[in-house]
Amino acid sequence: MSQAAAIALGAIAGATIFLGLPVARMRGLPTALQGVLNAFATGILVFLLWDILSHAGAPVEESLTSRVTSFPLMAGVFGIGIAAGLLGLVYFNRALFGRLRHGAHAPAPRNLAMAI
C-alpha cells in the first residue's frame, strides 16, 4: 500500500469518527436513521474483525502445510490471543459499567466515551 493510499484511508476513518461524535449526541433522531447508522457501524466492525482474523490465521495455516511441527503452538497462540482479546473487552466493559447495576443512573459521558 502506498503512503498516499494509507493517508487517504486514515483520513476517511478519521472523518467518520469526527462526524460520528456529534451525531451520537443528537437527540430526537428518527428510529429508522438510528437503525441505519447502527447497521452501518456494525457492518464496519464485522468487516474489520473478518479482515484481522483472516490475516491472523495465515501463519497458522502456513504452519499446518509446512513440514515444521509448530502447528499446535501456532494454533494455541492464535486461540489464546483471540480469547484474551474478546474476553478482555468483556472484563473492561464490566469494570467500566459494573457500578451501574446498583443504580439506575445513566453512564457519565466520559465513561461512555472511554467504552467506545
PDB file of N, CA and C in Angstrom:
ATOM      1  N   MET A   1       0.852  -1.169   0.000  1.00  0.00           N
ATOM      2  CA  MET A   1       0.000   0.000   0.000  1.00  0.00           C
ATOM      3  C   MET A   1       0.898   1.232   0.000  1.00  0.00           C
ATOM      4  N   SER A   2       0.572   2.157  -0.849  1.00  0.00           N
ATOM      5  CA  SER A   2       1.379   3.371  -0.939  1.00  0.00           C
ATOM      6  C   SER A   2       1.069   4.301   0.232  1.00  0.00           C
ATOM      7  N   GLN A   3       1.942   5.266   0.421  1.00  0.00           N
ATOM      8  CA  GLN A   3       1.737   6.213   1.507  1.00  0.00           C
ATOM      9  C   GLN A   3       0.496   7.063   1.254  1.00  0.00           C
ATOM     10  N   ALA A   4       0.235   7.410   0.018  1.00  0.00           N
ATOM     11  CA  ALA A   4      -0.951   8.208  -0.302  1.00  0.00           C
ATOM     12  C   ALA A   4      -2.227   7.432   0.003  1.00  0.00           C
ATOM     13  N   ALA A   5      -2.232   6.143  -0.308  1.00  0.00           N
ATOM     14  CA  ALA A   5      -3.411   5.325  -0.015  1.00  0.00           C
ATOM     15  C   ALA A   5      -3.618   5.203   1.487  1.00  0.00           C
ATOM     16  N   ALA A   6      -2.535   5.031   2.241  1.00  0.00           N
ATOM     17  CA  ALA A   6      -2.645   4.941   3.694  1.00  0.00           C
ATOM     18  C   ALA A   6      -3.160   6.249   4.289  1.00  0.00           C
ATOM     19  N   ILE A   7      -2.691   7.362   3.764  1.00  0.00           N
ATOM     20  CA  ILE A   7      -3.160   8.665   4.242  1.00  0.00           C
ATOM     21  C   ILE A   7      -4.630   8.856   3.908  1.00  0.00           C
ATOM     22  N   ALA A   8      -5.036   8.464   2.709  1.00  0.00           N
ATOM     23  CA  ALA A   8      -6.440   8.599   2.311  1.00  0.00           C
ATOM     24  C   ALA A   8      -7.342   7.735   3.185  1.00  0.00           C
ATOM     25  N   LEU A   9      -6.936   6.497   3.440  1.00  0.00           N
ATOM     26  CA  LEU A   9      -7.747   5.629   4.294  1.00  0.00           C
ATOM     27  C   LEU A   9      -7.798   6.147   5.729  1.00  0.00           C
ATOM     28  N   GLY A  10      -6.689   6.667   6.222  1.00  0.00           N
ATOM     29  CA  GLY A  10      -6.678   7.261   7.553  1.00  0.00           C
ATOM     30  C   GLY A  10      -7.571   8.487   7.641  1.00  0.00           C
ATOM     31  N   ALA A  11      -7.590   9.289   6.581  1.00  0.00           N
ATOM     32  CA  ALA A  11      -8.456  10.471   6.559  1.00  0.00           C
ATOM     33  C   ALA A  11      -9.925  10.068   6.545  1.00  0.00           C
ATOM     34  N   ILE A  12     -10.257   9.031   5.800  1.00  0.00           N
ATOM     35  CA  ILE A  12     -11.647   8.563   5.773  1.00  0.00           C
ATOM     36  C   ILE A  12     -12.055   8.045   7.146  1.00  0.00           C
ATOM     37  N   ALA A  13     -11.188   7.256   7.773  1.00  0.00           N
ATOM     38  CA  ALA A  13     -11.503   6.729   9.101  1.00  0.00           C
ATOM     39  C   ALA A  13     -11.637   7.860  10.116  1.00  0.00           C
ATOM     40  N   GLY A  14     -10.732   8.814  10.070  1.00  0.00           N
ATOM     41  CA  GLY A  14     -10.803   9.939  10.995  1.00  0.00           C
ATOM     42  C   GLY A  14     -12.026  10.807  10.769  1.00  0.00           C
ATOM     43  N   ALA A  15     -12.395  10.998   9.509  1.00  0.00           N
ATOM     44  CA  ALA A  15     -13.567  11.825   9.206  1.00  0.00           C
ATOM     45  C   ALA A  15     -14.844  11.169   9.698  1.00  0.00           C
ATOM     46  N   THR A  16     -14.938   9.848   9.578  1.00  0.00           N
ATOM     47  CA  THR A  16     -16.153   9.185  10.057  1.00  0.00           C
ATOM     48  C   THR A  16     -16.279   9.300  11.565  1.00  0.00           C
ATOM     49  N   ILE A  17     -15.169   9.192  12.275  1.00  0.00           N
ATOM     50  CA  ILE A  17     -15.217   9.362  13.726  1.00  0.00           C
ATOM     51  C   ILE A  17     -15.546  10.805  14.068  1.00  0.00           C
ATOM     52  N   PHE A  18     -14.912  11.746  13.381  1.00  0.00           N
ATOM     53  CA  PHE A  18     -15.146  13.162  13.648  1.00  0.00           C
ATOM     54  C   PHE A  18     -16.606  13.535  13.401  1.00  0.00           C
ATOM     55  N   LEU A  19     -17.201  12.997  12.354  1.00  0.00           N
ATOM     56  CA  LEU A  19     -18.605  13.286  12.061  1.00  0.00           C
ATOM     57  C   LEU A  19     -19.555  12.467  12.926  1.00  0.00           C
ATOM     58  N   GLY A  20     -19.125  11.293  13.365  1.00  0.00           N
ATOM     59  CA  GLY A  20     -19.995  10.433  14.155  1.00  0.00           C
ATOM     60  C   GLY A  20     -20.193  10.904  15.582  1.00  0.00           C
ATOM     61  N   LEU A  21     -19.233  11.597  16.148  1.00  0.00           N
ATOM     62  CA  LEU A  21     -19.364  12.050  17.529  1.00  0.00           C
ATOM     63  C   LEU A  21     -20.524  13.023  17.724  1.00  0.00           C
ATOM     64  N   PRO A  22     -20.693  14.041  16.882  1.00  0.00           N
ATOM     65  CA  PRO A  22     -21.856  14.914  17.072  1.00  0.00           C
ATOM     66  C   PRO A  22     -23.181  14.197  16.805  1.00  0.00           C
ATOM     67  N   VAL A  23     -23.191  13.267  15.875  1.00  0.00           N
ATOM     68  CA  VAL A  23     -24.427  12.534  15.579  1.00  0.00           C
ATOM     69  C   VAL A  23     -24.841  11.706  16.787  1.00  0.00           C
ATOM     70  N   ALA A  24     -23.876  11.145  17.507  1.00  0.00           N
ATOM     71  CA  ALA A  24     -24.189  10.340  18.686  1.00  0.00           C
ATOM     72  C   ALA A  24     -24.807  11.182  19.789  1.00  0.00           C
ATOM     73  N   ARG A  25     -24.504  12.459  19.831  1.00  0.00           N
ATOM     74  CA  ARG A  25     -25.046  13.336  20.879  1.00  0.00           C
ATOM     75  C   ARG A  25     -26.392  13.956  20.504  1.00  0.00           C
ATOM     76  N   MET A  26     -26.804  13.797  19.260  1.00  0.00           N
ATOM     77  CA  MET A  26     -28.055  14.409  18.818  1.00  0.00           C
ATOM     78  C   MET A  26     -29.243  13.699  19.451  1.00  0.00           C
ATOM     79  N   ARG A  27     -30.221  14.473  19.820  1.00  0.00           N
ATOM     80  CA  ARG A  27     -31.447  13.929  20.397  1.00  0.00           C
ATOM     81  C   ARG A  27     -32.547  13.993  19.347  1.00  0.00           C
ATOM     82  N   GLY A  28     -33.474  13.083  19.428  1.00  0.00           N
ATOM     83  CA  GLY A  28     -34.640  13.119  18.559  1.00  0.00           C
ATOM     84  C   GLY A  28     -34.410  12.602  17.157  1.00  0.00           C
ATOM     85  N   LEU A  29     -33.361  11.803  16.957  1.00  0.00           N
ATOM     86  CA  LEU A  29     -33.160  11.214  15.635  1.00  0.00           C
ATOM     87  C   LEU A  29     -34.240  10.165  15.386  1.00  0.00           C
ATOM     88  N   PRO A  30     -34.733  10.075  14.180  1.00  0.00           N
ATOM     89  CA  PRO A  30     -35.730   9.036  13.887  1.00  0.00           C
ATOM     90  C   PRO A  30     -35.152   7.636  14.130  1.00  0.00           C
ATOM     91  N   THR A  31     -36.009   6.737  14.558  1.00  0.00           N
ATOM     92  CA  THR A  31     -35.577   5.377  14.855  1.00  0.00           C
ATOM     93  C   THR A  31     -34.998   4.696  13.620  1.00  0.00           C
ATOM     94  N   ALA A  32     -35.566   4.971  12.458  1.00  0.00           N
ATOM     95  CA  ALA A  32     -35.060   4.363  11.226  1.00  0.00           C
ATOM     96  C   ALA A  32     -33.630   4.818  10.939  1.00  0.00           C
ATOM     97  N   LEU A  33     -33.342   6.094  11.152  1.00  0.00           N
ATOM     98  CA  LEU A  33     -31.988   6.601  10.928  1.00  0.00           C
ATOM     99  C   LEU A  33     -31.012   5.998  11.929  1.00  0.00           C
ATOM    100  N   GLN A  34     -31.433   5.864  13.178  1.00  0.00           N
ATOM    101  CA  GLN A  34     -30.581   5.223  14.174  1.00  0.00           C
ATOM    102  C   GLN A  34     -30.282   3.779  13.784  1.00  0.00           C
ATOM    103  N   GLY A  35     -31.288   3.087  13.280  1.00  0.00           N
ATOM    104  CA  GLY A  35     -31.086   1.708  12.840  1.00  0.00           C
ATOM    105  C   GLY A  35     -30.111   1.608  11.688  1.00  0.00           C
ATOM    106  N   VAL A  36     -30.226   2.520  10.729  1.00  0.00           N
ATOM    107  CA  VAL A  36     -29.309   2.516   9.584  1.00  0.00           C
ATOM    108  C   VAL A  36     -27.883   2.806  10.043  1.00  0.00           C
ATOM    109  N   LEU A  37     -27.717   3.784  10.912  1.00  0.00           N
ATOM    110  CA  LEU A  37     -26.379   4.120  11.403  1.00  0.00           C
ATOM    111  C   LEU A  37     -25.782   2.974  12.219  1.00  0.00           C
ATOM    112  N   ASN A  38     -26.612   2.330  13.045  1.00  0.00           N
ATOM    113  CA  ASN A  38     -26.126   1.183  13.816  1.00  0.00           C
ATOM    114  C   ASN A  38     -25.745   0.026  12.907  1.00  0.00           C
ATOM    115  N   ALA A  39     -26.553  -0.234  11.888  1.00  0.00           N
ATOM    116  CA  ALA A  39     -26.244  -1.316  10.950  1.00  0.00           C
ATOM    117  C   ALA A  39     -24.952  -1.024  10.194  1.00  0.00           C
ATOM    118  N   PHE A  40     -24.753   0.218   9.801  1.00  0.00           N
ATOM    119  CA  PHE A  40     -23.536   0.608   9.093  1.00  0.00           C
ATOM    120  C   PHE A  40     -22.310   0.413   9.985  1.00  0.00           C
ATOM    121  N   ALA A  41     -22.409   0.871  11.236  1.00  0.00           N
ATOM    122  CA  ALA A  41     -21.287   0.724  12.169  1.00  0.00           C
ATOM    123  C   ALA A  41     -21.005  -0.748  12.461  1.00  0.00           C
ATOM    124  N   THR A  42     -22.056  -1.534  12.613  1.00  0.00           N
ATOM    125  CA  THR A  42     -21.877  -2.964  12.859  1.00  0.00           C
ATOM    126  C   THR A  42     -21.223  -3.640  11.665  1.00  0.00           C
ATOM    127  N   GLY A  43     -21.620  -3.263  10.470  1.00  0.00           N
ATOM    128  CA  GLY A  43     -21.014  -3.827   9.270  1.00  0.00           C
ATOM    129  C   GLY A  43     -19.533  -3.521   9.180  1.00  0.00           C
ATOM    130  N   ILE A  44     -19.157  -2.308   9.532  1.00  0.00           N
ATOM    131  CA  ILE A  44     -17.739  -1.937   9.515  1.00  0.00           C
ATOM    132  C   ILE A  44     -16.966  -2.760  10.538  1.00  0.00           C
ATOM    133  N   LEU A  45     -17.531  -2.925  11.735  1.00  0.00           N
ATOM    134  CA  LEU A  45     -16.838  -3.698  12.759  1.00  0.00           C
ATOM    135  C   LEU A  45     -16.711  -5.170  12.380  1.00  0.00           C
ATOM    136  N   VAL A  46     -17.749  -5.735  11.779  1.00  0.00           N
ATOM    137  CA  VAL A  46     -17.676  -7.133  11.338  1.00  0.00           C
ATOM    138  C   VAL A  46     -16.634  -7.281  10.231  1.00  0.00           C
ATOM    139  N   PHE A  47     -16.593  -6.326   9.310  1.00  0.00           N
ATOM    140  CA  PHE A  47     -15.575  -6.363   8.257  1.00  0.00           C
ATOM    141  C   PHE A  47     -14.175  -6.312   8.849  1.00  0.00           C
ATOM    142  N   LEU A  48     -13.952  -5.414   9.809  1.00  0.00           N
ATOM    143  CA  LEU A  48     -12.630  -5.312  10.425  1.00  0.00           C
ATOM    144  C   LEU A  48     -12.259  -6.596  11.160  1.00  0.00           C
ATOM    145  N   LEU A  49     -13.221  -7.185  11.868  1.00  0.00           N
ATOM    146  CA  LEU A  49     -12.962  -8.442  12.565  1.00  0.00           C
ATOM    147  C   LEU A  49     -12.592  -9.539  11.574  1.00  0.00           C
ATOM    148  N   TRP A  50     -13.351  -9.640  10.486  1.00  0.00           N
ATOM    149  CA  TRP A  50     -13.070 -10.652   9.463  1.00  0.00           C
ATOM    150  C   TRP A  50     -11.695 -10.418   8.826  1.00  0.00           C
ATOM    151  N   ASP A  51     -11.380  -9.186   8.521  1.00  0.00           N
ATOM    152  CA  ASP A  51     -10.103  -8.867   7.887  1.00  0.00           C
ATOM    153  C   ASP A  51      -8.940  -9.223   8.803  1.00  0.00           C
ATOM    154  N   ILE A  52      -9.056  -8.877  10.063  1.00  0.00           N
ATOM    155  CA  ILE A  52      -7.983  -9.159  11.014  1.00  0.00           C
ATOM    156  C   ILE A  52      -7.835 -10.660  11.229  1.00  0.00           C
ATOM    157  N   LEU A  53      -8.956 -11.362  11.403  1.00  0.00           N
ATOM    158  CA  LEU A  53      -8.872 -12.799  11.655  1.00  0.00           C
ATOM    159  C   LEU A  53      -8.361 -13.566  10.442  1.00  0.00           C
ATOM    160  N   SER A  54      -8.720 -13.119   9.247  1.00  0.00           N
ATOM    161  CA  SER A  54      -8.237 -13.826   8.057  1.00  0.00           C
ATOM    162  C   SER A  54      -6.731 -13.655   7.890  1.00  0.00           C
ATOM    163  N   HIS A  55      -6.216 -12.484   8.226  1.00  0.00           N
ATOM    164  CA  HIS A  55      -4.768 -12.272   8.129  1.00  0.00           C
ATOM    165  C   HIS A  55      -4.035 -12.920   9.304  1.00  0.00           C
ATOM    166  N   ALA A  56      -4.673 -12.953  10.462  1.00  0.00           N
ATOM    167  CA  ALA A  56      -4.031 -13.564  11.626  1.00  0.00           C
ATOM    168  C   ALA A  56      -3.965 -15.078  11.489  1.00  0.00           C
ATOM    169  N   GLY A  57      -4.900 -15.654  10.759  1.00  0.00           N
ATOM    170  CA  GLY A  57      -4.908 -17.100  10.579  1.00  0.00           C
ATOM    171  C   GLY A  57      -3.937 -17.596   9.530  1.00  0.00           C
ATOM    172  N   ALA A  58      -3.366 -16.722   8.743  1.00  0.00           N
ATOM    173  CA  ALA A  58      -2.441 -17.134   7.678  1.00  0.00           C
ATOM    174  C   ALA A  58      -1.206 -17.856   8.219  1.00  0.00           C
ATOM    175  N   PRO A  59      -0.547 -17.366   9.276  1.00  0.00           N
ATOM    176  CA  PRO A  59       0.600 -18.119   9.803  1.00  0.00           C
ATOM    177  C   PRO A  59       0.212 -19.497  10.348  1.00  0.00           C
ATOM    178  N   VAL A  60      -0.995 -19.605  10.903  1.00  0.00           N
ATOM    179  CA  VAL A  60      -1.450 -20.899  11.414  1.00  0.00           C
ATOM    180  C   VAL A  60      -1.655 -21.867  10.257  1.00  0.00           C
ATOM    181  N   GLU A  61      -2.286 -21.401   9.185  1.00  0.00           N
ATOM    182  CA  GLU A  61      -2.481 -22.256   8.011  1.00  0.00           C
ATOM    183  C   GLU A  61      -1.142 -22.632   7.374  1.00  0.00           C
ATOM    184  N   GLU A  62      -0.223 -21.697   7.344  1.00  0.00           N
ATOM    185  CA  GLU A  62       1.094 -21.977   6.770  1.00  0.00           C
ATOM    186  C   GLU A  62       1.838 -23.028   7.589  1.00  0.00           C
ATOM    187  N   SER A  63       1.712 -22.951   8.918  1.00  0.00           N
ATOM    188  CA  SER A  63       2.381 -23.948   9.757  1.00  0.00           C
ATOM    189  C   SER A  63       1.726 -25.320   9.622  1.00  0.00           C
ATOM    190  N   LEU A  64       0.458 -25.361   9.248  1.00  0.00           N
ATOM    191  CA  LEU A  64      -0.224 -26.639   9.041  1.00  0.00           C
ATOM    192  C   LEU A  64       0.303 -27.346   7.799  1.00  0.00           C
ATOM    193  N   THR A  65       0.586 -26.587   6.750  1.00  0.00           N
ATOM    194  CA  THR A  65       1.045 -27.188   5.500  1.00  0.00           C
ATOM    195  C   THR A  65       2.557 -27.378   5.442  1.00  0.00           C
ATOM    196  N   SER A  66       3.294 -26.731   6.329  1.00  0.00           N
ATOM    197  CA  SER A  66       4.756 -26.871   6.292  1.00  0.00           C
ATOM    198  C   SER A  66       5.176 -28.159   6.996  1.00  0.00           C
ATOM    199  N   ARG A  67       6.423 -28.492   6.822  1.00  0.00           N
ATOM    200  CA  ARG A  67       6.943 -29.724   7.424  1.00  0.00           C
ATOM    201  C   ARG A  67       7.387 -29.510   8.876  1.00  0.00           C
ATOM    202  N   VAL A  68       7.377 -28.298   9.326  1.00  0.00           N
ATOM    203  CA  VAL A  68       7.755 -27.998  10.706  1.00  0.00           C
ATOM    204  C   VAL A  68       6.566 -28.316  11.609  1.00  0.00           C
ATOM    205  N   THR A  69       6.827 -28.830  12.788  1.00  0.00           N
ATOM    206  CA  THR A  69       5.740 -29.247  13.685  1.00  0.00           C
ATOM    207  C   THR A  69       5.332 -28.132  14.639  1.00  0.00           C
ATOM    208  N   SER A  70       5.239 -26.930  14.151  1.00  0.00           N
ATOM    209  CA  SER A  70       4.866 -25.810  15.018  1.00  0.00           C
ATOM    210  C   SER A  70       3.373 -25.516  14.974  1.00  0.00           C
ATOM    211  N   PHE A  71       2.588 -26.347  14.284  1.00  0.00           N
ATOM    212  CA  PHE A  71       1.162 -26.055  14.168  1.00  0.00           C
ATOM    213  C   PHE A  71       0.456 -26.006  15.520  1.00  0.00           C
ATOM    214  N   PRO A  72       0.651 -26.972  16.428  1.00  0.00           N
ATOM    215  CA  PRO A  72      -0.056 -26.875  17.722  1.00  0.00           C
ATOM    216  C   PRO A  72       0.281 -25.593  18.481  1.00  0.00           C
ATOM    217  N   LEU A  73       1.535 -25.196  18.428  1.00  0.00           N
ATOM    218  CA  LEU A  73       1.935 -23.961  19.104  1.00  0.00           C
ATOM    219  C   LEU A  73       1.262 -22.750  18.463  1.00  0.00           C
ATOM    220  N   MET A  74       1.292 -22.684  17.140  1.00  0.00           N
ATOM    221  CA  MET A  74       0.679 -21.549  16.434  1.00  0.00           C
ATOM    222  C   MET A  74      -0.832 -21.506  16.660  1.00  0.00           C
ATOM    223  N   ALA A  75      -1.483 -22.663  16.615  1.00  0.00           N
ATOM    224  CA  ALA A  75      -2.928 -22.707  16.846  1.00  0.00           C
ATOM    225  C   ALA A  75      -3.257 -22.309  18.279  1.00  0.00           C
ATOM    226  N   GLY A  76      -2.430 -22.725  19.223  1.00  0.00           N
ATOM    227  CA  GLY A  76      -2.646 -22.344  20.618  1.00  0.00           C
ATOM    228  C   GLY A  76      -2.486 -20.855  20.840  1.00  0.00           C
ATOM    229  N   VAL A  77      -1.443 -20.286  20.273  1.00  0.00           N
ATOM    230  CA  VAL A  77      -1.228 -18.836  20.395  1.00  0.00           C
ATOM    231  C   VAL A  77      -2.377 -18.074  19.743  1.00  0.00           C
ATOM    232  N   PHE A  78      -2.828 -18.543  18.583  1.00  0.00           N
ATOM    233  CA  PHE A  78      -3.947 -17.906  17.885  1.00  0.00           C
ATOM    234  C   PHE A  78      -5.208 -17.957  18.748  1.00  0.00           C
ATOM    235  N   GLY A  79      -5.535 -19.127  19.281  1.00  0.00           N
ATOM    236  CA  GLY A  79      -6.738 -19.273  20.108  1.00  0.00           C
ATOM    237  C   GLY A  79      -6.674 -18.463  21.385  1.00  0.00           C
ATOM    238  N   ILE A  80      -5.526 -18.497  22.049  1.00  0.00           N
ATOM    239  CA  ILE A  80      -5.374 -17.732  23.288  1.00  0.00           C
ATOM    240  C   ILE A  80      -5.442 -16.237  23.004  1.00  0.00           C
ATOM    241  N   GLY A  81      -4.856 -15.805  21.902  1.00  0.00           N
ATOM    242  CA  GLY A  81      -4.910 -14.383  21.548  1.00  0.00           C
ATOM    243  C   GLY A  81      -6.323 -13.905  21.266  1.00  0.00           C
ATOM    244  N   ILE A  82      -7.087 -14.703  20.511  1.00  0.00           N
ATOM    245  CA  ILE A  82      -8.480 -14.334  20.222  1.00  0.00           C
ATOM    246  C   ILE A  82      -9.296 -14.320  21.506  1.00  0.00           C
ATOM    247  N   ALA A  83      -9.135 -15.360  22.329  1.00  0.00           N
ATOM    248  CA  ALA A  83      -9.893 -15.438  23.580  1.00  0.00           C
ATOM    249  C   ALA A  83      -9.534 -14.287  24.514  1.00  0.00           C
ATOM    250  N   ALA A  84      -8.254 -13.986  24.646  1.00  0.00           N
ATOM    251  CA  ALA A  84      -7.834 -12.896  25.531  1.00  0.00           C
ATOM    252  C   ALA A  84      -8.354 -11.553  25.034  1.00  0.00           C
ATOM    253  N   GLY A  85      -8.320 -11.348  23.728  1.00  0.00           N
ATOM    254  CA  GLY A  85      -8.814 -10.086  23.186  1.00  0.00           C
ATOM    255  C   GLY A  85     -10.307  -9.900  23.392  1.00  0.00           C
ATOM    256  N   LEU A  86     -11.087 -10.934  23.105  1.00  0.00           N
ATOM    257  CA  LEU A  86     -12.538 -10.804  23.237  1.00  0.00           C
ATOM    258  C   LEU A  86     -12.976 -10.785  24.696  1.00  0.00           C
ATOM    259  N   LEU A  87     -12.382 -11.643  25.531  1.00  0.00           N
ATOM    260  CA  LEU A  87     -12.745 -11.640  26.948  1.00  0.00           C
ATOM    261  C   LEU A  87     -12.239 -10.381  27.647  1.00  0.00           C
ATOM    262  N   GLY A  88     -11.130  -9.832  27.173  1.00  0.00           N
ATOM    263  CA  GLY A  88     -10.650  -8.574  27.733  1.00  0.00           C
ATOM    264  C   GLY A  88     -11.651  -7.447  27.543  1.00  0.00           C
ATOM    265  N   LEU A  89     -12.325  -7.440  26.399  1.00  0.00           N
ATOM    266  CA  LEU A  89     -13.365  -6.435  26.173  1.00  0.00           C
ATOM    267  C   LEU A  89     -14.524  -6.605  27.142  1.00  0.00           C
ATOM    268  N   VAL A  90     -14.892  -7.849  27.420  1.00  0.00           N
ATOM    269  CA  VAL A  90     -15.988  -8.113  28.360  1.00  0.00           C
ATOM    270  C   VAL A  90     -15.616  -7.626  29.751  1.00  0.00           C
ATOM    271  N   TYR A  91     -14.416  -7.967  30.215  1.00  0.00           N
ATOM    272  CA  TYR A  91     -13.997  -7.549  31.548  1.00  0.00           C
ATOM    273  C   TYR A  91     -13.806  -6.039  31.636  1.00  0.00           C
ATOM    274  N   PHE A  92     -13.320  -5.426  30.580  1.00  0.00           N
ATOM    275  CA  PHE A  92     -13.182  -3.971  30.566  1.00  0.00           C
ATOM    276  C   PHE A  92     -14.550  -3.305  30.674  1.00  0.00           C
ATOM    277  N   ASN A  93     -15.521  -3.812  29.925  1.00  0.00           N
ATOM    278  CA  ASN A  93     -16.871  -3.257  29.972  1.00  0.00           C
ATOM    279  C   ASN A  93     -17.480  -3.456  31.354  1.00  0.00           C
ATOM    280  N   ARG A  94     -17.257  -4.618  31.953  1.00  0.00           N
ATOM    281  CA  ARG A  94     -17.787  -4.881  33.290  1.00  0.00           C
ATOM    282  C   ARG A  94     -17.143  -3.949  34.314  1.00  0.00           C
ATOM    283  N   ALA A  95     -15.847  -3.716  34.206  1.00  0.00           N
ATOM    284  CA  ALA A  95     -15.167  -2.832  35.146  1.00  0.00           C
ATOM    285  C   ALA A  95     -15.622  -1.388  34.972  1.00  0.00           C
ATOM    286  N   LEU A  96     -15.877  -0.992  33.734  1.00  0.00           N
ATOM    287  CA  LEU A  96     -16.260   0.385  33.473  1.00  0.00           C
ATOM    288  C   LEU A  96     -17.702   0.656  33.865  1.00  0.00           C
ATOM    289  N   PHE A  97     -18.595  -0.291  33.556  1.00  0.00           N
ATOM    290  CA  PHE A  97     -20.018  -0.082  33.802  1.00  0.00           C
ATOM    291  C   PHE A  97     -20.558  -0.947  34.926  1.00  0.00           C
ATOM    292  N   GLY A  98     -19.708  -1.627  35.683  1.00  0.00           N
ATOM    293  CA  GLY A  98     -20.164  -2.515  36.744  1.00  0.00           C
ATOM    294  C   GLY A  98     -20.917  -1.796  37.843  1.00  0.00           C
ATOM    295  N   ARG A  99     -20.549  -0.586  38.122  1.00  0.00           N
ATOM    296  CA  ARG A  99     -21.223   0.147  39.197  1.00  0.00           C
ATOM    297  C   ARG A  99     -22.633   0.564  38.809  1.00  0.00           C
ATOM    298  N   LEU A 100     -22.977   0.502  37.537  1.00  0.00           N
ATOM    299  CA  LEU A 100     -24.304   0.927  37.100  1.00  0.00           C
ATOM    300  C   LEU A 100     -25.385  -0.090  37.431  1.00  0.00           C
ATOM    301  N   ARG A 101     -25.006  -1.319  37.764  1.00  0.00           N
ATOM    302  CA  ARG A 101     -26.010  -2.324  38.105  1.00  0.00           C
ATOM    303  C   ARG A 101     -26.745  -1.961  39.377  1.00  0.00           C
ATOM    304  N   HIS A 102     -26.061  -1.283  40.278  1.00  0.00           N
ATOM    305  CA  HIS A 102     -26.645  -0.973  41.573  1.00  0.00           C
ATOM    306  C   HIS A 102     -27.521   0.268  41.539  1.00  0.00           C
ATOM    307  N   GLY A 103     -27.389   1.066  40.533  1.00  0.00           N
ATOM    308  CA  GLY A 103     -28.200   2.265  40.406  1.00  0.00           C
ATOM    309  C   GLY A 103     -28.764   2.369  39.004  1.00  0.00           C
ATOM    310  N   ALA A 104     -29.767   3.192  38.847  1.00  0.00           N
ATOM    311  CA  ALA A 104     -30.405   3.344  37.537  1.00  0.00           C
ATOM    312  C   ALA A 104     -29.905   4.593  36.822  1.00  0.00           C
ATOM    313  N   HIS A 105     -28.706   5.030  37.153  1.00  0.00           N
ATOM    314  CA  HIS A 105     -28.174   6.247  36.552  1.00  0.00           C
ATOM    315  C   HIS A 105     -27.585   5.952  35.181  1.00  0.00           C
ATOM    316  N   ALA A 106     -27.679   6.923  34.328  1.00  0.00           N
ATOM    317  CA  ALA A 106     -27.064   6.803  33.004  1.00  0.00           C
ATOM    318  C   ALA A 106     -25.555   6.953  33.157  1.00  0.00           C
ATOM    319  N   PRO A 107     -24.786   6.330  32.275  1.00  0.00           N
ATOM    320  CA  PRO A 107     -23.333   6.470  32.386  1.00  0.00           C
ATOM    321  C   PRO A 107     -22.902   7.903  32.129  1.00  0.00           C
ATOM    322  N   ALA A 108     -21.844   8.286  32.812  1.00  0.00           N
ATOM    323  CA  ALA A 108     -21.285   9.616  32.600  1.00  0.00           C
ATOM    324  C   ALA A 108     -20.738   9.697  31.178  1.00  0.00           C
ATOM    325  N   PRO A 109     -20.794  10.865  30.561  1.00  0.00           N
ATOM    326  CA  PRO A 109     -20.288  10.988  29.186  1.00  0.00           C
ATOM    327  C   PRO A 109     -18.838  10.543  29.041  1.00  0.00           C
ATOM    328  N   ARG A 110     -18.015  10.823  30.049  1.00  0.00           N
ATOM    329  CA  ARG A 110     -16.607  10.417  29.966  1.00  0.00           C
ATOM    330  C   ARG A 110     -16.483   8.895  29.972  1.00  0.00           C
ATOM    331  N   ASN A 111     -17.253   8.224  30.835  1.00  0.00           N
ATOM    332  CA  ASN A 111     -17.208   6.761  30.873  1.00  0.00           C
ATOM    333  C   ASN A 111     -17.707   6.160  29.568  1.00  0.00           C
ATOM    334  N   LEU A 112     -18.735   6.749  29.004  1.00  0.00           N
ATOM    335  CA  LEU A 112     -19.261   6.254  27.737  1.00  0.00           C
ATOM    336  C   LEU A 112     -18.239   6.436  26.619  1.00  0.00           C
ATOM    337  N   ALA A 113     -17.550   7.567  26.618  1.00  0.00           N
ATOM    338  CA  ALA A 113     -16.522   7.807  25.606  1.00  0.00           C
ATOM    339  C   ALA A 113     -15.354   6.839  25.770  1.00  0.00           C
ATOM    340  N   MET A 114     -15.003   6.499  27.000  1.00  0.00           N
ATOM    341  CA  MET A 114     -13.919   5.545  27.230  1.00  0.00           C
ATOM    342  C   MET A 114     -14.303   4.150  26.757  1.00  0.00           C
ATOM    343  N   ALA A 115     -15.575   3.791  26.859  1.00  0.00           N
ATOM    344  CA  ALA A 115     -16.023   2.470  26.411  1.00  0.00           C
ATOM    345  C   ALA A 115     -15.999   2.366  24.899  1.00  0.00           C
ATOM    346  N   ILE A 116     -16.230   3.474  24.227  1.00  0.00           N
ATOM    347  CA  ILE A 116     -16.249   3.471  22.765  1.00  0.00           C
ATOM    348  C   ILE A 116     -14.837   3.463  22.274  1.00  0.00           C
TER     349      ILE A 116
END
